[in-house]
């Protein structure tokens, strides 16, 4: 069997493994909404490509697309975090087979070159090139431009894989993209208006002169080969580290959190939540990512005019408060699936655990409140708005997210951060996520249209406070319904360990 035949066999096995997953049927709902989103982006990019093509033909500057490429590549890099995973999960079943250890990695890296994450940008590049060819650009030049643009996207995909893999090992690697993309916007803050205008004029002149040449093609071809080889070596190294659980362990002083002893059993479960956040890779990484994302959003909103519209301000304010709950509580009881049998020993253990989780995530919303102080001080966010979304988060938002404890029955690995999958287990997870992120914002916008901002936020405060104070009632209701499904859930937890 040659390597090409082996690639096709690995692709077939990958498709079959996806269909055999217990959550495959539920994932169809996620795919449906994903396809709707992709269709929207395709139409949007097609319109942008057509518009830029008309401008390029009118101004007789066919290298116009290269001026906006830095922004396209930056957006492409960050968009990949929502959809593209690292390849390690595909390699595990093949490590002990009589094939080259790099074959599976090569299969994944090559398959990424033709993934939708790369091809979606052709919806922007193809109409741009087509209109330019209809102008004075030759067909050969058009094909060369398309090839160069696609090569740039491929280089960006390899850069993303490298950064994503390193970040999964240590959050300090966020310094790489922050330095690279921060250097693009630094001149706006460090230079005067006249100096920054002169600086960017020189950059655009350089791009316009060399971007559409053989030099650029050779440069990006070399970059692609170098990044591909680095990813090939790095992915395999991290695969063996994770599978063999080979990690450097340092002895650390572990706090007993004795101040929580006064709260009895709830205090013990609060200690468990805190230590899980501190010790387990998967949970700790999501927490640190949340702090980074919220801090960046806070500074962006406070010191720029990027998000000034009513929808954007309300959306990002809600996002900051609900982020920690949404990324963790959507998998509520997933980590506990590793030891769910022990929690069934005593009566109402699960109820106490759920209440401890609720108190923990209520305390967590104080962190976004502190991180959002810059927008409050700058006048972008009002205190009434902050209080409204804080209470909406601790009230109806958490009430909805905790409902998932009734149906979640997939054990979530605590430390398998690189090889673990992050898919929706059931359609309710997707539906509740959409409700949590969009319905409160739509309600606020409707109330603002009918009345005023003050009335809208007061109504939200009342709703949030009512749900928050009613926590003992809806939490017990969740517990009782969960107990009716306990044997079905236990079977799911056992199967997916």
Protein backbone atom coordinates (compact mmCIF):
# COMPACT_ATOMS: atom_id res chain seq x y z
CA UNK A 1 0.00 0.00 0.00
CA UNK A 2 1.57 3.30 -1.08
CA UNK A 3 1.23 6.58 0.79
CA UNK A 4 -1.59 7.94 -1.38
CA UNK A 5 -3.69 4.82 -0.82
CA UNK A 6 -2.95 5.07 2.89
CA UNK A 7 -4.13 8.68 2.90
CA UNK A 8 -7.46 7.66 1.36
CA UNK A 9 -7.80 4.86 3.92
CA UNK A 10 -7.14 7.26 6.81
CA UNK A 11 -9.70 9.68 5.40
CA UNK A 12 -12.29 6.88 5.18
CA UNK A 13 -11.52 5.78 8.76
CA UNK A 14 -11.86 9.35 10.00
CA UNK A 15 -15.29 9.73 8.40
CA UNK A 16 -16.44 6.40 9.86
CA UNK A 17 -15.17 7.28 13.34
CA UNK A 18 -17.17 10.53 13.25
CA UNK A 19 -20.35 8.63 12.33
CA UNK A 20 -19.83 6.14 15.15
CA UNK A 21 -19.62 8.83 17.83
CA UNK A 22 -22.60 8.77 20.25
CA UNK A 23 -23.18 12.47 19.61
CA UNK A 24 -23.08 12.18 15.80
CA UNK A 25 -26.84 12.62 15.39
CA UNK A 26 -26.85 15.60 17.73
CA UNK A 27 -23.97 17.15 15.80
CA UNK A 28 -26.20 17.32 12.72
CA UNK A 29 -28.06 20.21 14.37
CA UNK A 30 -24.76 22.00 14.90
CA UNK A 31 -23.77 21.38 11.30
CA UNK A 32 -27.08 22.83 10.08
CA UNK A 33 -26.50 26.13 11.87
CA UNK A 34 -22.83 26.06 10.86
CA UNK A 35 -23.82 25.73 7.20
CA UNK A 36 -26.16 28.70 7.57
CA UNK A 37 -23.31 30.76 9.00
CA UNK A 38 -20.95 29.66 6.22
CA UNK A 39 -23.55 30.59 3.60
CA UNK A 40 -23.84 34.07 5.11
CA UNK A 41 -20.05 34.53 5.05
CA UNK A 42 -19.84 33.28 1.45
CA UNK A 43 -22.37 35.88 0.27
CA UNK A 44 -20.68 38.58 2.36
CA UNK A 45 -17.19 37.77 1.04
CA UNK A 46 -18.49 37.53 -2.53
CA UNK A 47 -19.88 41.05 -2.21
CA UNK A 48 -16.60 42.39 -0.78
CA UNK A 49 -14.56 40.71 -3.54
CA UNK A 50 -16.83 42.14 -6.23
CA UNK A 51 -16.66 45.64 -4.72
CA UNK A 52 -12.86 45.57 -4.44
CA UNK A 53 -12.60 44.23 -8.00
CA UNK A 54 -14.61 47.12 -9.39
CA UNK A 55 -12.41 49.62 -7.54
CA UNK A 56 -9.24 47.87 -8.78
CA UNK A 57 -10.41 48.00 -12.43
CA UNK A 58 -11.57 51.60 -12.12
CA UNK A 59 -8.28 52.78 -10.55
CA UNK A 60 -6.19 50.40 -12.71
CA UNK A 61 -4.53 48.99 -9.56
CA UNK A 62 -4.86 45.23 -9.66
CA UNK A 63 -2.63 44.84 -6.58
CA UNK A 64 -5.34 46.54 -4.50
CA UNK A 65 -6.23 43.23 -2.83
CA UNK A 66 -2.71 43.06 -1.37
CA UNK A 67 -3.33 46.24 0.64
CA UNK A 68 -6.12 44.59 2.63
CA UNK A 69 -4.41 41.19 2.92
CA UNK A 70 -2.87 41.96 6.37
CA UNK A 71 -6.38 42.51 7.73
CA UNK A 72 -7.73 39.41 5.96
CA UNK A 73 -4.91 37.20 7.29
CA UNK A 74 -5.37 38.56 10.82
CA UNK A 75 -9.12 37.88 10.74
CA UNK A 76 -8.48 34.43 9.25
CA UNK A 77 -6.05 33.58 12.06
CA UNK A 78 -8.48 34.39 14.88
CA UNK A 79 -11.51 32.87 13.11
CA UNK A 80 -9.72 29.50 13.03
CA UNK A 81 -9.88 29.28 16.83
CA UNK A 82 -13.65 28.73 16.52
CA UNK A 83 -13.51 25.81 14.10
CA UNK A 84 -10.07 24.31 13.50
CA UNK A 85 -8.60 21.76 15.93
CA UNK A 86 -5.09 20.39 16.29
CA UNK A 87 -4.37 16.99 14.65
CA UNK A 88 -3.32 15.00 17.70
CA UNK A 89 -6.70 13.31 18.22
CA UNK A 90 -6.44 11.63 14.80
CA UNK A 91 -3.06 10.04 15.45
CA UNK A 92 -3.68 8.02 18.61
CA UNK A 93 -5.28 4.93 16.99
CA UNK A 94 -2.43 4.57 14.49
CA UNK A 95 0.65 4.91 16.69
CA UNK A 96 0.92 1.17 17.35
CA UNK A 97 0.22 0.13 13.75
CA UNK A 98 2.97 -0.87 11.27
CA UNK A 99 2.96 2.44 9.43
CA UNK A 100 5.25 5.42 9.60
CA UNK A 101 4.59 7.42 12.74
CA UNK A 102 4.41 10.61 10.69
CA UNK A 103 1.85 9.30 8.19
CA UNK A 104 -1.22 10.29 10.22
CA UNK A 105 0.26 13.72 10.95
CA UNK A 106 1.03 14.17 7.24
CA UNK A 107 -2.54 13.11 6.43
CA UNK A 108 -3.99 15.75 8.74
CA UNK A 109 -1.66 18.53 7.63
CA UNK A 110 -2.29 17.79 3.96
CA UNK A 111 -6.06 17.54 4.46
CA UNK A 112 -5.98 20.96 6.12
CA UNK A 113 -4.73 22.45 2.86
CA UNK A 114 -8.12 21.68 1.27
CA UNK A 115 -10.33 22.34 4.28
CA UNK A 116 -13.26 24.75 4.23
CA UNK A 117 -11.30 27.12 6.47
CA UNK A 118 -8.99 27.77 3.52
CA UNK A 119 -11.39 27.43 0.60
CA UNK A 120 -13.96 29.86 2.06
CA UNK A 121 -11.64 32.76 1.24
CA UNK A 122 -11.80 31.85 -2.44
CA UNK A 123 -15.33 33.30 -2.36
CA UNK A 124 -13.60 36.68 -1.97
CA UNK A 125 -10.56 36.11 -4.19
CA UNK A 126 -12.33 34.50 -7.19
CA UNK A 127 -14.84 37.33 -7.89
CA UNK A 128 -12.07 39.90 -7.39
CA UNK A 129 -9.80 38.11 -9.88
CA UNK A 130 -12.66 37.50 -12.34
CA UNK A 131 -13.54 41.20 -12.49
CA UNK A 132 -9.86 42.11 -12.88
CA UNK A 133 -9.51 39.62 -15.75
CA UNK A 134 -12.58 41.16 -17.34
CA UNK A 135 -10.61 44.43 -17.19
CA UNK A 136 -7.06 44.56 -18.50
CA UNK A 137 -5.46 41.73 -16.47
CA UNK A 138 -4.47 38.68 -18.51
CA UNK A 139 -5.81 35.23 -17.65
CA UNK A 140 -2.30 34.03 -16.76
CA UNK A 141 -1.85 36.94 -14.37
CA UNK A 142 -5.24 36.20 -12.82
CA UNK A 143 -4.37 32.56 -12.21
CA UNK A 144 -1.02 33.61 -10.75
CA UNK A 145 -2.75 36.06 -8.41
CA UNK A 146 -5.22 33.39 -7.26
CA UNK A 147 -2.41 30.94 -6.62
CA UNK A 148 -0.42 33.50 -4.63
CA UNK A 149 -3.44 34.50 -2.53
CA UNK A 150 -4.25 30.87 -1.76
CA UNK A 151 -0.62 30.21 -0.83
CA UNK A 152 -0.80 33.08 1.67
CA UNK A 153 -3.89 31.52 3.26
CA UNK A 154 -2.08 28.16 3.47
CA UNK A 155 0.87 29.80 5.21
CA UNK A 156 -1.57 31.41 7.62
CA UNK A 157 -3.17 28.02 8.35
CA UNK A 158 0.23 26.52 9.21
CA UNK A 159 1.04 29.52 11.39
CA UNK A 160 -2.26 29.01 13.22
CA UNK A 161 -1.55 25.30 13.82
CA UNK A 162 1.86 26.14 15.24
CA UNK A 163 0.51 28.83 17.58
CA UNK A 164 -2.54 26.79 18.63
CA UNK A 165 -0.40 23.76 19.51
CA UNK A 166 2.04 25.85 21.56
CA UNK A 167 -0.79 27.66 23.35
CA UNK A 168 -2.31 24.30 24.30
CA UNK A 169 0.93 23.51 26.09
CA UNK A 170 1.40 26.89 27.74
CA UNK A 171 -0.61 30.10 27.69
CA UNK A 172 2.62 32.11 27.59
CA UNK A 173 2.83 31.32 23.86
CA UNK A 174 0.03 33.85 23.34
CA UNK A 175 2.95 36.28 23.25
CA UNK A 176 3.71 35.18 19.66
CA UNK A 177 0.46 36.37 18.02
CA UNK A 178 0.17 39.32 20.40
CA UNK A 179 3.60 40.61 19.41
CA UNK A 180 3.01 39.99 15.69
CA UNK A 181 -0.47 41.49 15.43
CA UNK A 182 0.20 44.09 18.11
CA UNK A 183 3.06 45.44 16.00
CA UNK A 184 0.54 46.16 13.24
CA UNK A 185 -1.51 48.53 15.38
CA UNK A 186 1.31 49.86 17.58
CA UNK A 187 2.17 52.73 15.16
CA UNK A 188 -1.34 54.14 15.64
CA UNK A 189 -0.63 54.58 19.37
CA UNK A 190 3.12 55.25 19.39
CA UNK A 191 3.44 57.66 16.46
CA UNK A 192 1.81 60.98 15.77
CA UNK A 193 -0.85 61.20 13.09
CA UNK A 194 1.59 62.65 10.57
CA UNK A 195 4.33 60.12 11.34
CA UNK A 196 1.95 57.14 11.30
CA UNK A 197 0.49 58.29 7.97
CA UNK A 198 3.99 58.53 6.48
CA UNK A 199 4.94 55.14 7.94
CA UNK A 200 1.91 53.35 6.47
CA UNK A 201 2.37 55.08 3.12
CA UNK A 202 5.84 53.55 2.95
CA UNK A 203 4.47 50.13 3.93
CA UNK A 204 1.73 50.27 1.30
CA UNK A 205 4.21 51.41 -1.36
CA UNK A 206 6.42 48.43 -0.53
CA UNK A 207 3.46 46.04 -0.62
CA UNK A 208 2.22 47.46 -3.90
CA UNK A 209 5.66 47.10 -5.50
CA UNK A 210 6.61 43.60 -4.34
CA UNK A 211 3.42 41.78 -3.25
CA UNK A 212 2.44 40.64 -6.75
CA UNK A 213 5.85 39.39 -7.90
CA UNK A 214 7.88 36.16 -8.07
CA UNK A 215 9.74 37.31 -4.96
CA UNK A 216 6.52 37.15 -2.94
CA UNK A 217 5.67 33.73 -4.34
CA UNK A 218 9.10 32.33 -3.46
CA UNK A 219 8.99 33.90 0.01
CA UNK A 220 5.60 32.42 0.90
CA UNK A 221 6.50 29.04 -0.63
CA UNK A 222 9.58 28.86 1.62
CA UNK A 223 7.54 30.00 4.64
CA UNK A 224 4.97 27.31 3.94
CA UNK A 225 7.56 24.53 3.73
CA UNK A 226 9.32 25.68 6.90
CA UNK A 227 6.10 25.95 8.92
CA UNK A 228 4.84 22.61 7.57
CA UNK A 229 8.02 20.82 8.71
CA UNK A 230 7.95 22.54 12.11
CA UNK A 231 4.33 21.50 12.62
CA UNK A 232 5.15 17.95 11.57
CA UNK A 233 7.86 17.61 14.20
CA UNK A 234 6.04 19.54 16.91
CA UNK A 235 2.73 17.71 16.61
CA UNK A 236 4.37 14.30 16.95
CA UNK A 237 6.40 15.40 19.96
CA UNK A 238 3.31 16.65 21.78
CA UNK A 239 1.35 13.54 20.84
CA UNK A 240 3.81 11.28 22.63
CA UNK A 241 4.03 13.65 25.60
CA UNK A 242 0.27 13.62 26.10
CA UNK A 243 -0.37 9.96 25.41
CA UNK A 244 2.43 8.83 27.69
CA UNK A 245 1.38 11.53 30.19
CA UNK A 246 5.03 12.54 30.28
CA UNK A 247 5.05 15.87 32.04
CA UNK A 248 7.44 17.72 34.24
CA UNK A 249 5.86 17.87 37.66
CA UNK A 250 6.90 20.41 40.24
CA UNK A 251 5.89 20.10 43.85
CA UNK A 252 3.63 22.97 44.81
CA UNK A 253 2.09 24.14 48.02
CA UNK A 254 -1.62 23.41 47.86
CA UNK A 255 -3.90 25.79 49.73
CA UNK A 256 -6.53 24.14 51.89
CA UNK A 257 -8.93 27.11 51.54
CA UNK A 258 -9.76 26.72 55.22
CA UNK A 259 -11.97 29.83 55.09
CA UNK A 260 -14.57 27.72 53.25
CA UNK A 261 -14.80 25.14 56.06
CA UNK A 262 -17.53 27.17 57.75
CA UNK A 263 -19.91 26.42 54.83
CA UNK A 264 -19.86 22.67 55.44
CA UNK A 265 -20.43 20.39 52.47
CA UNK A 266 -21.01 23.29 50.10
CA UNK A 267 -17.64 24.64 51.19
CA UNK A 268 -16.00 21.31 50.32
CA UNK A 269 -17.51 21.37 46.84
CA UNK A 270 -16.44 24.99 46.43
CA UNK A 271 -12.89 23.86 47.20
CA UNK A 272 -13.28 21.19 44.52
CA UNK A 273 -14.35 23.77 41.92
CA UNK A 274 -11.47 26.09 42.78
CA UNK A 275 -8.89 23.32 42.71
CA UNK A 276 -10.30 21.96 39.44
CA UNK A 277 -9.85 25.39 37.87
CA UNK A 278 -6.30 25.66 39.20
CA UNK A 279 -5.07 22.12 38.51
CA UNK A 280 -6.79 20.68 35.45
CA UNK A 281 -5.41 21.75 32.09
CA UNK A 282 -8.67 21.88 30.18
CA UNK A 283 -10.55 23.95 32.77
CA UNK A 284 -7.55 26.17 33.59
CA UNK A 285 -6.90 26.92 29.94
CA UNK A 286 -10.50 27.98 29.30
CA UNK A 287 -10.34 30.23 32.35
CA UNK A 288 -7.10 31.93 31.26
CA UNK A 289 -8.40 32.32 27.71
CA UNK A 290 -11.48 34.03 29.12
CA UNK A 291 -9.39 36.50 31.09
CA UNK A 292 -7.30 37.30 27.99
CA UNK A 293 -10.32 37.71 25.70
CA UNK A 294 -12.28 39.87 28.14
CA UNK A 295 -9.25 42.06 28.87
CA UNK A 296 -8.66 42.64 25.14
CA UNK A 297 -12.33 43.42 24.55
CA UNK A 298 -12.38 45.79 27.51
CA UNK A 299 -9.37 47.77 26.26
CA UNK A 300 -10.65 47.74 22.68
CA UNK A 301 -14.04 49.11 23.71
CA UNK A 302 -12.60 51.65 26.15
CA UNK A 303 -9.88 53.20 23.99
CA UNK A 304 -11.15 52.81 20.42
CA UNK A 305 -14.35 53.51 18.50
CA UNK A 306 -14.59 49.95 17.19
CA UNK A 307 -17.82 49.00 18.95
CA UNK A 308 -20.05 52.06 19.28
CA UNK A 309 -23.37 50.69 18.03
CA UNK A 310 -26.11 49.69 20.46
CA UNK A 311 -26.13 46.04 19.44
CA UNK A 312 -22.33 45.69 19.61
CA UNK A 313 -22.05 47.34 23.03
CA UNK A 314 -24.81 45.21 24.55
CA UNK A 315 -23.55 42.04 22.86
CA UNK A 316 -19.98 42.34 24.11
CA UNK A 317 -21.03 43.43 27.59
CA UNK A 318 -23.21 40.33 27.95
CA UNK A 319 -20.49 38.17 26.37
CA UNK A 320 -17.94 39.25 28.97
CA UNK A 321 -20.19 38.29 31.89
CA UNK A 322 -21.56 35.03 30.51
CA UNK A 323 -18.32 33.77 28.94
CA UNK A 324 -17.02 31.72 31.88
CA UNK A 325 -20.39 30.14 32.52
CA UNK A 326 -21.10 29.45 28.85
CA UNK A 327 -17.83 27.65 28.08
CA UNK A 328 -17.88 25.56 31.26
CA UNK A 329 -21.51 25.07 32.26
CA UNK A 330 -22.49 23.93 28.77
CA UNK A 331 -20.56 20.78 29.77
CA UNK A 332 -21.86 20.83 33.35
CA UNK A 333 -21.42 17.46 35.10
CA UNK A 334 -18.97 16.45 32.35
CA UNK A 335 -15.88 16.62 34.60
CA UNK A 336 -17.82 14.94 37.42
CA UNK A 337 -18.56 12.07 35.03
CA UNK A 338 -15.09 10.77 35.92
CA UNK A 339 -16.26 10.06 39.49
CA UNK A 340 -20.05 10.33 39.26
CA UNK A 341 -20.52 7.01 41.11
CA UNK A 342 -19.01 8.48 44.29
CA UNK A 343 -21.42 11.41 44.18
CA UNK A 344 -24.39 9.01 44.26
CA UNK A 345 -23.39 7.55 47.64
CA UNK A 346 -25.15 10.11 49.85
CA UNK A 347 -28.59 11.63 49.42
CA UNK A 348 -28.70 15.06 47.71
CA UNK A 349 -24.95 15.09 47.14
CA UNK A 350 -25.62 16.16 43.55
CA UNK A 351 -27.89 19.00 44.68
CA UNK A 352 -25.19 20.34 47.00
CA UNK A 353 -22.62 20.06 44.21
CA UNK A 354 -24.85 21.98 41.79
CA UNK A 355 -25.43 24.75 44.33
CA UNK A 356 -21.70 25.00 45.01
CA UNK A 357 -21.10 25.30 41.26
CA UNK A 358 -23.70 28.05 41.07
CA UNK A 359 -22.13 30.02 43.92
CA UNK A 360 -18.69 29.59 42.34
CA UNK A 361 -19.78 30.94 38.97
CA UNK A 362 -21.69 33.77 40.64
CA UNK A 363 -18.44 34.77 42.31
CA UNK A 364 -16.62 34.48 38.97
CA UNK A 365 -18.73 37.27 37.41
CA UNK A 366 -16.98 39.74 39.72
CA UNK A 367 -13.86 39.25 37.60
CA UNK A 368 -15.47 40.57 34.37
CA UNK A 369 -16.86 43.44 36.44
CA UNK A 370 -13.30 44.42 37.42
CA UNK A 371 -11.94 43.89 33.91
CA UNK A 372 -14.68 46.13 32.47
CA UNK A 373 -13.72 49.11 34.62
CA UNK A 374 -11.92 50.86 31.69
CA UNK A 375 -15.13 51.02 29.56
CA UNK A 376 -17.05 52.22 32.63
CA UNK A 377 -14.51 54.95 33.35
CA UNK A 378 -14.38 56.01 29.69
CA UNK A 379 -18.18 56.24 29.60
CA UNK A 380 -18.75 53.48 27.04
CA UNK A 381 -20.62 51.31 29.58
CA UNK A 382 -22.90 52.59 32.32
CA UNK A 383 -23.10 51.09 35.81
CA UNK A 384 -26.79 50.35 35.24
CA UNK A 385 -25.92 48.40 32.09
CA UNK A 386 -23.18 46.45 33.90
CA UNK A 387 -25.50 45.61 36.80
CA UNK A 388 -28.26 44.51 34.41
CA UNK A 389 -26.07 42.01 32.56
CA UNK A 390 -24.42 40.80 35.75
CA UNK A 391 -27.81 39.88 37.26
CA UNK A 392 -29.09 38.48 33.97
CA UNK A 393 -26.05 36.19 34.00
CA UNK A 394 -26.52 34.98 37.57
CA UNK A 395 -30.28 34.67 37.03
CA UNK A 396 -31.93 33.37 33.82
CA UNK A 397 -28.63 32.67 32.01
CA UNK A 398 -27.30 30.31 34.69
CA UNK A 399 -30.78 28.86 35.15
CA UNK A 400 -30.77 27.82 31.48
CA UNK A 401 -27.20 26.53 31.51
CA UNK A 402 -27.76 24.41 34.62
CA UNK A 403 -30.70 22.75 32.87
CA UNK A 404 -28.08 20.88 30.85
CA UNK A 405 -27.13 18.91 33.98
CA UNK A 406 -30.31 16.90 33.31
CA UNK A 407 -29.24 15.71 29.84
CA UNK A 408 -25.44 15.85 29.77
CA UNK A 409 -24.04 12.32 30.01
CA UNK A 410 -20.66 12.54 28.28
CA UNK A 411 -17.58 12.39 30.52
CA UNK A 412 -15.23 15.32 29.91
CA UNK A 413 -11.49 14.50 30.16
CA UNK A 414 -9.81 16.75 32.68
CA UNK A 415 -6.34 16.99 31.23
CA UNK A 416 -6.58 15.86 27.59
CA UNK A 417 -6.47 19.39 26.29
CA UNK A 418 -4.80 18.70 22.95
CA UNK A 419 -6.40 15.42 21.99
CA UNK A 420 -9.83 16.14 23.43
CA UNK A 421 -12.73 17.13 21.20
CA UNK A 422 -14.91 20.09 21.87
CA UNK A 423 -18.13 19.21 20.09
CA UNK A 424 -21.73 19.71 21.14
CA UNK A 425 -23.01 16.51 22.72
CA UNK A 426 -26.69 17.18 22.16
CA UNK A 427 -28.89 19.66 20.34
CA UNK A 428 -29.95 21.33 23.61
CA UNK A 429 -26.41 22.52 24.21
CA UNK A 430 -26.42 24.40 20.92
CA UNK A 431 -29.94 25.79 21.41
CA UNK A 432 -29.21 27.01 24.96
CA UNK A 433 -25.88 28.53 23.88
CA UNK A 434 -27.67 30.55 21.17
CA UNK A 435 -30.36 31.68 23.63
CA UNK A 436 -27.80 32.64 26.26
CA UNK A 437 -25.77 34.81 23.89
CA UNK A 438 -28.49 36.50 21.83
CA UNK A 439 -31.92 36.58 23.51
CA UNK A 440 -31.03 39.02 26.36
CA UNK A 441 -29.46 41.42 23.87
CA UNK A 442 -32.51 41.30 21.59
CA UNK A 443 -34.80 41.88 24.59
CA UNK A 444 -32.76 44.92 25.64
CA UNK A 445 -32.83 46.37 22.11
CA UNK A 446 -36.61 45.94 21.94
CA UNK A 447 -37.08 47.62 25.32
CA UNK A 448 -34.74 50.46 24.32
CA UNK A 449 -36.76 51.00 21.15
CA UNK A 450 -40.08 51.08 23.02
CA UNK A 451 -38.96 53.00 26.09
CA UNK A 452 -35.45 54.17 27.00
CA UNK A 453 -32.07 52.77 28.01
CA UNK A 454 -32.77 53.30 31.70
CA UNK A 455 -36.13 51.52 31.59
CA UNK A 456 -34.65 48.65 29.57
CA UNK A 457 -31.83 48.03 32.04
CA UNK A 458 -34.13 48.35 35.07
CA UNK A 459 -36.44 45.70 33.59
CA UNK A 460 -33.43 43.43 33.04
CA UNK A 461 -32.26 44.00 36.60
CA UNK A 462 -35.68 43.02 37.95
CA UNK A 463 -35.76 39.85 35.81
CA UNK A 464 -32.22 38.90 36.77
CA UNK A 465 -32.77 39.56 40.48
CA UNK A 466 -35.99 37.50 40.49
CA UNK A 467 -34.25 34.47 38.95
CA UNK A 468 -31.23 34.87 41.23
CA UNK A 469 -33.34 34.93 44.39
CA UNK A 470 -35.39 31.97 43.14
CA UNK A 471 -32.27 29.80 42.77
CA UNK A 472 -33.21 27.33 45.57
CA UNK A 473 -36.45 26.48 43.78
CA UNK A 474 -35.25 26.04 40.19
CA UNK A 475 -32.06 24.29 41.32
CA UNK A 476 -34.05 21.68 43.27
CA UNK A 477 -36.31 21.22 40.26
CA UNK A 478 -33.24 20.54 38.12
CA UNK A 479 -31.96 18.04 40.69
CA UNK A 480 -35.28 16.15 40.84
CA UNK A 481 -35.50 15.85 37.04
CA UNK A 482 -31.86 14.82 36.87
CA UNK A 483 -32.45 12.01 39.36
CA UNK A 484 -35.22 10.62 37.15
CA UNK A 485 -32.59 10.13 34.42
CA UNK A 486 -29.76 9.06 36.70
CA UNK A 487 -29.38 5.51 35.35
CA UNK A 488 -29.40 6.67 31.74
CA UNK A 489 -26.85 9.38 32.57
CA UNK A 490 -24.66 6.96 34.52
CA UNK A 491 -24.56 4.63 31.55
CA UNK A 492 -23.48 7.51 29.29
CA UNK A 493 -20.77 8.63 31.72
CA UNK A 494 -19.42 5.07 32.01
CA UNK A 495 -19.42 4.55 28.23
CA UNK A 496 -17.52 7.76 27.43
CA UNK A 497 -14.80 7.56 30.08
